[in-house]
Amino acid sequence: MKKKNFNRAGSEQEYGPRLAGEILHDYLENSNEPLAVAYREQSGDADEQGWHRNTDLSVDLKTLLRSDRSMKTGKDYQGILRRDSDMELDDYRCHDPHYTFTETVPPAPRKRNPHVFKGKYITVTRRDDGSVHPNFKPLKIDEDFSLEKYISGVANELLWALEGLIENG
């Protein structure tokens, strides 16, 4: 009596030795088990479906930091994340993307309305739109206060400020 050949699909006798990644890929693509069905649903078109469509798992990340030697847990870093390469390993049918994070210098706080002129009675500031505005300093009234002296001091400082603006113009 002749012995029947009961080779199972994917066995070494039928196909030769197979890699573990290849077997796992076949299972996930062809099986009706809940894990395989869920895998196929989430690995569909990333814009239409998927649990974590903006998540890359198992990536190689290189960090270039200014402030710390290595990243601290819970600390936010401002910088640029760039995908350097997308290496596909055929043996395991997986992607191994490589990223580089470069910490950037935070922008220096810009001084609002910088002073163009500072005097005893007024200051002149330049606004973001380029216009120039005089600002009166708080008036100090004491026994030596004179209205004529104050008015002439303000007028002189306005004249000096305008002359400086015209010369630097």
N, C-alpha and C. Protein backbone atom coordinates (compact mmCIF):
# COMPACT_ATOMS: atom_id res chain seq x y z
N MET A 1 0.83 -1.16 0.00
CA MET A 1 0.00 0.00 0.00
C MET A 1 0.89 1.25 0.00
N LYS A 2 0.49 2.21 -0.81
CA LYS A 2 1.28 3.42 -0.98
C LYS A 2 0.92 4.43 0.12
N LYS A 3 1.95 5.03 0.71
CA LYS A 3 1.76 6.00 1.77
C LYS A 3 1.44 7.37 1.16
N LYS A 4 0.37 8.03 1.70
CA LYS A 4 -0.02 9.35 1.19
C LYS A 4 0.92 10.42 1.73
N ASN A 5 1.13 11.42 0.93
CA ASN A 5 2.00 12.53 1.31
C ASN A 5 1.13 13.62 1.93
N PHE A 6 1.23 13.82 3.24
CA PHE A 6 0.44 14.83 3.95
C PHE A 6 1.30 16.06 4.24
N ASN A 7 1.74 16.73 3.23
CA ASN A 7 2.52 17.95 3.42
C ASN A 7 1.58 19.11 3.70
N ARG A 8 1.89 19.87 4.73
CA ARG A 8 1.10 21.05 5.02
C ARG A 8 1.68 22.22 4.23
N ALA A 9 0.81 23.17 3.94
CA ALA A 9 1.25 24.34 3.17
C ALA A 9 2.36 25.06 3.91
N GLY A 10 3.39 25.39 3.21
CA GLY A 10 4.49 26.12 3.79
C GLY A 10 5.51 25.25 4.50
N SER A 11 5.40 23.98 4.38
CA SER A 11 6.35 23.12 5.07
C SER A 11 7.68 23.12 4.32
N GLU A 12 8.70 22.63 5.00
CA GLU A 12 10.03 22.59 4.41
C GLU A 12 10.09 21.65 3.21
N GLN A 13 9.29 20.56 3.25
CA GLN A 13 9.33 19.60 2.16
C GLN A 13 8.73 20.19 0.88
N GLU A 14 7.70 21.03 1.01
CA GLU A 14 7.05 21.56 -0.17
C GLU A 14 7.77 22.79 -0.73
N TYR A 15 8.16 23.74 0.14
CA TYR A 15 8.73 24.99 -0.32
C TYR A 15 10.19 25.21 0.07
N GLY A 16 10.70 24.41 0.91
CA GLY A 16 12.04 24.64 1.43
C GLY A 16 11.95 25.48 2.70
N PRO A 17 13.06 25.80 3.31
CA PRO A 17 13.03 26.57 4.55
C PRO A 17 12.49 27.98 4.30
N ARG A 18 11.72 28.49 5.27
CA ARG A 18 11.13 29.83 5.16
C ARG A 18 11.54 30.68 6.35
N LEU A 19 11.61 31.95 6.11
CA LEU A 19 11.94 32.89 7.17
C LEU A 19 10.71 33.15 8.04
N ALA A 20 10.95 33.46 9.31
CA ALA A 20 9.85 33.69 10.24
C ALA A 20 9.00 34.89 9.81
N GLY A 21 9.62 35.94 9.31
CA GLY A 21 8.88 37.11 8.85
C GLY A 21 7.95 36.79 7.70
N GLU A 22 8.39 35.92 6.81
CA GLU A 22 7.57 35.51 5.67
C GLU A 22 6.36 34.71 6.14
N ILE A 23 6.56 33.83 7.10
CA ILE A 23 5.45 33.04 7.63
C ILE A 23 4.45 33.96 8.34
N LEU A 24 4.95 34.90 9.12
CA LEU A 24 4.08 35.84 9.81
C LEU A 24 3.31 36.70 8.82
N HIS A 25 3.98 37.15 7.76
CA HIS A 25 3.31 37.94 6.73
C HIS A 25 2.19 37.14 6.07
N ASP A 26 2.45 35.89 5.72
CA ASP A 26 1.42 35.05 5.12
C ASP A 26 0.24 34.86 6.06
N TYR A 27 0.52 34.67 7.34
CA TYR A 27 -0.55 34.50 8.33
C TYR A 27 -1.41 35.76 8.40
N LEU A 28 -0.76 36.93 8.48
CA LEU A 28 -1.51 38.16 8.63
C LEU A 28 -2.29 38.52 7.38
N GLU A 29 -1.80 38.16 6.22
CA GLU A 29 -2.48 38.50 4.97
C GLU A 29 -3.59 37.51 4.59
N ASN A 30 -3.49 36.25 5.02
CA ASN A 30 -4.41 35.23 4.52
C ASN A 30 -5.32 34.61 5.57
N SER A 31 -5.05 34.80 6.83
CA SER A 31 -5.82 34.13 7.87
C SER A 31 -7.11 34.89 8.18
N ASN A 32 -8.12 34.17 8.69
CA ASN A 32 -9.36 34.78 9.12
C ASN A 32 -9.44 34.93 10.63
N GLU A 33 -8.32 34.74 11.31
CA GLU A 33 -8.27 34.92 12.75
C GLU A 33 -8.48 36.41 13.07
N PRO A 34 -9.06 36.72 14.26
CA PRO A 34 -9.34 38.13 14.60
C PRO A 34 -8.11 39.03 14.55
N LEU A 35 -6.96 38.53 14.98
CA LEU A 35 -5.75 39.34 14.94
C LEU A 35 -5.38 39.70 13.50
N ALA A 36 -5.45 38.74 12.61
CA ALA A 36 -5.10 38.99 11.21
C ALA A 36 -6.11 39.91 10.55
N VAL A 37 -7.40 39.74 10.86
CA VAL A 37 -8.43 40.61 10.29
C VAL A 37 -8.22 42.05 10.76
N ALA A 38 -7.95 42.23 12.06
CA ALA A 38 -7.70 43.56 12.59
C ALA A 38 -6.46 44.18 11.97
N TYR A 39 -5.43 43.37 11.76
CA TYR A 39 -4.20 43.87 11.13
C TYR A 39 -4.49 44.38 9.73
N ARG A 40 -5.27 43.59 8.97
CA ARG A 40 -5.58 44.01 7.60
C ARG A 40 -6.43 45.28 7.58
N GLU A 41 -7.34 45.42 8.54
CA GLU A 41 -8.18 46.62 8.60
C GLU A 41 -7.34 47.86 8.91
N GLN A 42 -6.44 47.74 9.88
CA GLN A 42 -5.66 48.92 10.27
C GLN A 42 -4.55 49.23 9.30
N SER A 43 -4.10 48.27 8.50
CA SER A 43 -3.01 48.53 7.58
C SER A 43 -3.51 48.92 6.20
N GLY A 44 -4.82 49.19 6.09
CA GLY A 44 -5.39 49.65 4.82
C GLY A 44 -4.90 51.05 4.51
N ASP A 45 -5.64 51.75 3.69
CA ASP A 45 -5.27 53.11 3.32
C ASP A 45 -5.27 53.98 4.57
N ALA A 46 -4.17 54.64 4.85
CA ALA A 46 -3.99 55.37 6.10
C ALA A 46 -4.95 56.55 6.22
N ASP A 47 -5.42 57.11 5.10
CA ASP A 47 -6.31 58.25 5.18
C ASP A 47 -7.75 57.83 5.48
N GLU A 48 -8.11 56.60 5.14
CA GLU A 48 -9.48 56.16 5.32
C GLU A 48 -9.70 55.44 6.63
N GLN A 49 -8.80 54.60 7.03
CA GLN A 49 -9.00 53.81 8.23
C GLN A 49 -7.68 53.55 8.92
N GLY A 50 -7.74 52.94 10.06
CA GLY A 50 -6.52 52.61 10.80
C GLY A 50 -6.57 53.17 12.20
N TRP A 51 -5.96 52.46 13.11
CA TRP A 51 -5.97 52.88 14.50
C TRP A 51 -4.97 54.00 14.74
N HIS A 52 -3.79 53.84 14.22
CA HIS A 52 -2.72 54.81 14.45
C HIS A 52 -2.11 55.18 13.11
N ARG A 53 -2.81 55.93 12.32
CA ARG A 53 -2.33 56.21 10.97
C ARG A 53 -1.14 57.16 10.95
N ASN A 54 -0.88 57.88 12.03
CA ASN A 54 0.27 58.79 12.08
C ASN A 54 1.35 58.29 13.02
N THR A 55 1.44 56.99 13.20
CA THR A 55 2.38 56.42 14.14
C THR A 55 3.33 55.47 13.42
N ASP A 56 4.62 55.68 13.63
CA ASP A 56 5.63 54.75 13.13
C ASP A 56 6.17 53.99 14.33
N LEU A 57 6.12 52.68 14.26
CA LEU A 57 6.64 51.86 15.35
C LEU A 57 8.04 51.38 14.99
N SER A 58 8.85 51.19 15.99
CA SER A 58 10.20 50.66 15.83
C SER A 58 11.01 51.47 14.82
N VAL A 59 11.30 52.70 15.16
CA VAL A 59 12.09 53.55 14.29
C VAL A 59 13.46 53.77 14.91
N ASP A 60 14.40 54.13 14.08
CA ASP A 60 15.74 54.48 14.52
C ASP A 60 15.79 56.01 14.59
N LEU A 61 16.00 56.57 15.78
CA LEU A 61 15.95 58.01 15.98
C LEU A 61 17.29 58.49 16.52
N LYS A 62 17.87 59.48 15.83
CA LYS A 62 19.10 60.11 16.29
C LYS A 62 18.73 61.52 16.74
N THR A 63 19.18 61.93 17.93
CA THR A 63 18.86 63.26 18.44
C THR A 63 20.11 64.11 18.49
N LEU A 64 19.97 65.35 18.05
CA LEU A 64 21.04 66.34 18.14
C LEU A 64 20.50 67.46 19.02
N LEU A 65 20.92 67.45 20.29
CA LEU A 65 20.37 68.38 21.28
C LEU A 65 21.38 69.44 21.65
N ARG A 66 20.90 70.65 21.94
CA ARG A 66 21.76 71.73 22.39
C ARG A 66 21.82 71.79 23.91
N SER A 67 20.67 71.54 24.55
CA SER A 67 20.57 71.82 25.98
C SER A 67 20.87 70.62 26.87
N ASP A 68 20.61 69.41 26.41
CA ASP A 68 20.80 68.23 27.24
C ASP A 68 21.67 67.22 26.50
N ARG A 69 22.29 66.34 27.29
CA ARG A 69 23.09 65.27 26.69
C ARG A 69 22.19 64.22 26.06
N SER A 70 21.09 63.87 26.75
CA SER A 70 20.07 62.97 26.20
C SER A 70 18.71 63.52 26.59
N MET A 71 17.68 63.10 25.85
CA MET A 71 16.34 63.61 26.10
C MET A 71 15.86 63.22 27.49
N LYS A 72 15.23 64.16 28.16
CA LYS A 72 14.69 63.92 29.49
C LYS A 72 13.21 63.57 29.38
N THR A 73 12.75 62.67 30.23
CA THR A 73 11.36 62.24 30.21
C THR A 73 10.45 63.40 30.59
N GLY A 74 9.44 63.64 29.79
CA GLY A 74 8.45 64.67 30.07
C GLY A 74 8.85 66.07 29.66
N LYS A 75 10.05 66.27 29.18
CA LYS A 75 10.49 67.61 28.77
C LYS A 75 10.18 67.81 27.29
N ASP A 76 9.66 68.98 26.95
CA ASP A 76 9.36 69.30 25.56
C ASP A 76 10.60 69.93 24.91
N TYR A 77 10.85 69.54 23.69
CA TYR A 77 11.96 70.08 22.93
C TYR A 77 11.42 70.69 21.64
N GLN A 78 11.93 71.86 21.30
CA GLN A 78 11.54 72.52 20.06
C GLN A 78 12.59 72.19 19.02
N GLY A 79 12.14 71.72 17.86
CA GLY A 79 13.12 71.37 16.84
C GLY A 79 12.49 70.86 15.57
N ILE A 80 13.31 70.21 14.78
CA ILE A 80 12.90 69.70 13.48
C ILE A 80 13.13 68.20 13.46
N LEU A 81 12.09 67.46 13.07
CA LEU A 81 12.19 66.02 12.92
C LEU A 81 12.20 65.72 11.42
N ARG A 82 13.25 65.03 10.97
CA ARG A 82 13.39 64.75 9.54
C ARG A 82 13.54 63.25 9.33
N ARG A 83 12.85 62.73 8.33
CA ARG A 83 12.98 61.32 7.98
C ARG A 83 14.15 61.20 7.01
N ASP A 84 15.21 60.52 7.45
CA ASP A 84 16.42 60.42 6.64
C ASP A 84 16.31 59.33 5.59
N SER A 85 15.84 58.15 5.98
CA SER A 85 15.77 57.05 5.02
C SER A 85 14.65 56.11 5.43
N ASP A 86 14.22 55.32 4.47
CA ASP A 86 13.20 54.31 4.71
C ASP A 86 13.75 53.00 4.18
N MET A 87 14.42 52.28 5.07
CA MET A 87 15.05 51.04 4.67
C MET A 87 14.05 49.91 4.80
N GLU A 88 13.84 49.15 3.74
CA GLU A 88 12.92 48.04 3.80
C GLU A 88 13.72 46.75 3.83
N LEU A 89 13.48 45.98 4.87
CA LEU A 89 14.17 44.71 5.01
C LEU A 89 13.30 43.61 4.42
N ASP A 90 13.70 43.09 3.25
CA ASP A 90 12.89 42.09 2.56
C ASP A 90 12.79 40.80 3.36
N ASP A 91 13.82 40.46 4.13
CA ASP A 91 13.79 39.22 4.88
C ASP A 91 12.64 39.18 5.89
N TYR A 92 12.36 40.34 6.50
CA TYR A 92 11.34 40.37 7.54
C TYR A 92 10.10 41.14 7.13
N ARG A 93 10.10 41.67 5.90
CA ARG A 93 8.98 42.43 5.37
C ARG A 93 8.54 43.54 6.33
N CYS A 94 9.49 44.31 6.79
CA CYS A 94 9.17 45.41 7.68
C CYS A 94 9.96 46.64 7.23
N HIS A 95 9.45 47.78 7.62
CA HIS A 95 10.12 49.03 7.31
C HIS A 95 10.92 49.45 8.53
N ASP A 96 12.10 49.97 8.31
CA ASP A 96 12.94 50.45 9.40
C ASP A 96 13.34 51.88 9.09
N PRO A 97 12.40 52.84 9.30
CA PRO A 97 12.73 54.22 8.94
C PRO A 97 13.74 54.81 9.92
N HIS A 98 14.53 55.74 9.43
CA HIS A 98 15.53 56.42 10.25
C HIS A 98 15.18 57.90 10.30
N TYR A 99 15.09 58.45 11.51
CA TYR A 99 14.76 59.85 11.72
C TYR A 99 15.89 60.54 12.44
N THR A 100 15.99 61.86 12.21
CA THR A 100 16.92 62.70 12.96
C THR A 100 16.15 63.87 13.52
N PHE A 101 16.27 64.08 14.85
CA PHE A 101 15.66 65.23 15.50
C PHE A 101 16.75 66.22 15.86
N THR A 102 16.63 67.45 15.38
CA THR A 102 17.59 68.50 15.67
C THR A 102 16.90 69.57 16.49
N GLU A 103 17.41 69.78 17.70
CA GLU A 103 16.82 70.83 18.55
C GLU A 103 17.24 72.18 18.01
N THR A 104 16.29 73.08 17.89
CA THR A 104 16.57 74.41 17.35
C THR A 104 16.63 75.42 18.49
N VAL A 105 17.25 76.54 18.20
CA VAL A 105 17.35 77.62 19.17
C VAL A 105 15.99 78.30 19.23
N PRO A 106 15.41 78.43 20.42
CA PRO A 106 14.13 79.13 20.48
C PRO A 106 14.32 80.58 20.07
N PRO A 107 13.36 81.13 19.36
CA PRO A 107 13.54 82.52 18.92
C PRO A 107 13.61 83.46 20.12
N ALA A 108 14.52 84.42 20.03
CA ALA A 108 14.67 85.39 21.11
C ALA A 108 13.41 86.25 21.16
N PRO A 109 12.94 86.53 22.35
CA PRO A 109 11.75 87.38 22.42
C PRO A 109 12.06 88.75 21.85
N ARG A 110 11.23 89.15 20.90
CA ARG A 110 11.43 90.42 20.22
C ARG A 110 10.93 91.54 21.12
N LYS A 111 11.74 92.58 21.24
CA LYS A 111 11.36 93.71 22.07
C LYS A 111 10.22 94.45 21.39
N ARG A 112 9.17 94.64 22.17
CA ARG A 112 8.00 95.32 21.64
C ARG A 112 8.19 96.82 21.70
N ASN A 113 7.88 97.48 20.61
CA ASN A 113 7.97 98.94 20.52
C ASN A 113 9.29 99.48 21.06
N PRO A 114 10.38 99.23 20.34
CA PRO A 114 11.69 99.69 20.83
C PRO A 114 11.77 101.21 20.88
N HIS A 115 12.54 101.71 21.86
CA HIS A 115 12.71 103.15 22.04
C HIS A 115 13.64 103.69 20.96
N VAL A 116 13.20 104.78 20.34
CA VAL A 116 14.03 105.50 19.39
C VAL A 116 14.74 106.65 20.10
N PHE A 117 14.06 107.22 21.10
CA PHE A 117 14.62 108.35 21.85
C PHE A 117 14.16 108.23 23.30
N LYS A 118 15.09 108.45 24.24
CA LYS A 118 14.76 108.48 25.67
C LYS A 118 15.22 109.81 26.23
N GLY A 119 14.27 110.55 26.76
CA GLY A 119 14.60 111.84 27.36
C GLY A 119 14.13 111.90 28.79
N LYS A 120 14.23 113.08 29.36
CA LYS A 120 13.80 113.28 30.74
C LYS A 120 12.27 113.34 30.83
N TYR A 121 11.64 113.91 29.80
CA TYR A 121 10.20 114.12 29.83
C TYR A 121 9.42 113.18 28.91
N ILE A 122 10.03 112.76 27.81
CA ILE A 122 9.31 111.90 26.84
C ILE A 122 10.22 110.76 26.38
N THR A 123 9.57 109.74 25.81
CA THR A 123 10.27 108.71 25.05
C THR A 123 9.55 108.60 23.71
N VAL A 124 10.30 108.25 22.69
CA VAL A 124 9.71 108.05 21.36
C VAL A 124 9.95 106.60 20.99
N THR A 125 8.86 105.91 20.60
CA THR A 125 8.93 104.49 20.24
C THR A 125 8.50 104.28 18.80
N ARG A 126 9.03 103.20 18.22
CA ARG A 126 8.65 102.84 16.85
C ARG A 126 7.77 101.59 16.94
N ARG A 127 6.61 101.63 16.32
CA ARG A 127 5.66 100.52 16.35
C ARG A 127 5.99 99.51 15.24
N ASP A 128 5.28 98.38 15.27
CA ASP A 128 5.53 97.33 14.27
C ASP A 128 5.25 97.80 12.85
N ASP A 129 4.30 98.71 12.69
CA ASP A 129 3.96 99.20 11.34
C ASP A 129 4.91 100.28 10.85
N GLY A 130 5.90 100.67 11.67
CA GLY A 130 6.90 101.65 11.27
C GLY A 130 6.59 103.05 11.75
N SER A 131 5.41 103.28 12.29
CA SER A 131 5.06 104.62 12.75
C SER A 131 5.80 104.93 14.05
N VAL A 132 6.00 106.24 14.30
CA VAL A 132 6.73 106.72 15.46
C VAL A 132 5.75 107.45 16.38
N HIS A 133 5.82 107.14 17.69
CA HIS A 133 4.88 107.72 18.65
C HIS A 133 5.62 108.27 19.86
N PRO A 134 5.33 109.55 20.22
CA PRO A 134 5.91 110.09 21.45
C PRO A 134 5.08 109.63 22.65
N ASN A 135 5.74 109.34 23.73
CA ASN A 135 5.08 108.92 24.97
C ASN A 135 5.59 109.80 26.11
N PHE A 136 4.67 110.36 26.87
CA PHE A 136 5.05 111.22 27.98
C PHE A 136 5.37 110.36 29.20
N LYS A 137 6.45 110.71 29.87
CA LYS A 137 6.80 110.05 31.12
C LYS A 137 5.91 110.62 32.22
N PRO A 138 5.76 109.89 33.33
CA PRO A 138 4.92 110.41 34.42
C PRO A 138 5.41 111.77 34.90
N LEU A 139 4.47 112.64 35.13
CA LEU A 139 4.76 114.02 35.54
C LEU A 139 5.04 114.04 37.04
N LYS A 140 6.18 114.62 37.44
CA LYS A 140 6.54 114.72 38.85
C LYS A 140 6.37 116.18 39.30
N ILE A 141 5.33 116.38 40.08
CA ILE A 141 5.06 117.73 40.57
C ILE A 141 5.57 117.84 42.00
N ASP A 142 6.54 118.72 42.19
CA ASP A 142 7.07 118.99 43.53
C ASP A 142 7.24 120.50 43.69
N GLU A 143 7.92 120.96 44.74
CA GLU A 143 8.05 122.41 44.98
C GLU A 143 8.91 123.10 43.92
N ASP A 144 9.78 122.36 43.20
CA ASP A 144 10.62 122.96 42.15
C ASP A 144 9.96 122.91 40.77
N PHE A 145 8.72 122.39 40.68
CA PHE A 145 8.06 122.23 39.37
C PHE A 145 7.66 123.59 38.82
N SER A 146 7.93 123.74 37.51
CA SER A 146 7.53 124.95 36.80
C SER A 146 6.92 124.53 35.48
N LEU A 147 5.73 125.04 35.19
CA LEU A 147 5.04 124.67 33.96
C LEU A 147 5.82 125.13 32.72
N GLU A 148 6.39 126.30 32.76
CA GLU A 148 7.16 126.82 31.62
C GLU A 148 8.40 125.96 31.36
N LYS A 149 9.07 125.55 32.45
CA LYS A 149 10.25 124.70 32.32
C LYS A 149 9.87 123.33 31.74
N TYR A 150 8.73 122.79 32.19
CA TYR A 150 8.28 121.49 31.70
C TYR A 150 7.93 121.56 30.21
N ILE A 151 7.19 122.60 29.81
CA ILE A 151 6.76 122.75 28.40
C ILE A 151 7.98 122.94 27.51
N SER A 152 8.93 123.76 27.92
CA SER A 152 10.12 123.97 27.08
C SER A 152 10.97 122.70 27.03
N GLY A 153 11.03 121.93 28.12
CA GLY A 153 11.79 120.67 28.12
C GLY A 153 11.17 119.64 27.17
N VAL A 154 9.83 119.53 27.18
CA VAL A 154 9.14 118.60 26.28
C VAL A 154 9.36 119.03 24.83
N ALA A 155 9.23 120.35 24.56
CA ALA A 155 9.40 120.86 23.19
C ALA A 155 10.83 120.61 22.70
N ASN A 156 11.83 120.83 23.54
CA ASN A 156 13.22 120.58 23.16
C ASN A 156 13.46 119.11 22.87
N GLU A 157 12.92 118.24 23.73
CA GLU A 157 13.13 116.80 23.52
C GLU A 157 12.43 116.32 22.25
N LEU A 158 11.24 116.84 21.95
CA LEU A 158 10.57 116.49 20.69
C LEU A 158 11.42 116.94 19.50
N LEU A 159 11.99 118.13 19.59
CA LEU A 159 12.85 118.64 18.52
C LEU A 159 14.07 117.76 18.34
N TRP A 160 14.73 117.36 19.44
CA TRP A 160 15.91 116.50 19.36
C TRP A 160 15.56 115.12 18.79
N ALA A 161 14.41 114.59 19.23
CA ALA A 161 13.99 113.28 18.73
C ALA A 161 13.72 113.32 17.24
N LEU A 162 13.02 114.35 16.78
CA LEU A 162 12.73 114.48 15.35
C LEU A 162 13.99 114.70 14.54
N GLU A 163 14.93 115.50 15.06
CA GLU A 163 16.20 115.70 14.35
C GLU A 163 16.96 114.37 14.22
N GLY A 164 16.97 113.59 15.30
CA GLY A 164 17.66 112.30 15.25
C GLY A 164 16.99 111.34 14.26
N LEU A 165 15.65 111.38 14.18
CA LEU A 165 14.95 110.51 13.23
C LEU A 165 15.21 110.92 11.80
N ILE A 166 15.26 112.24 11.55
CA ILE A 166 15.49 112.71 10.19
C ILE A 166 16.91 112.39 9.74
N GLU A 167 17.90 112.54 10.66
CA GLU A 167 19.28 112.27 10.32
C GLU A 167 19.49 110.75 10.06
N ASN A 168 18.85 109.91 10.87
CA ASN A 168 19.00 108.45 10.72
C ASN A 168 18.09 107.89 9.65
N GLY A 169 17.09 108.64 9.27
CA GLY A 169 16.08 108.34 8.40
C GLY A 169 15.85 107.48 7.39
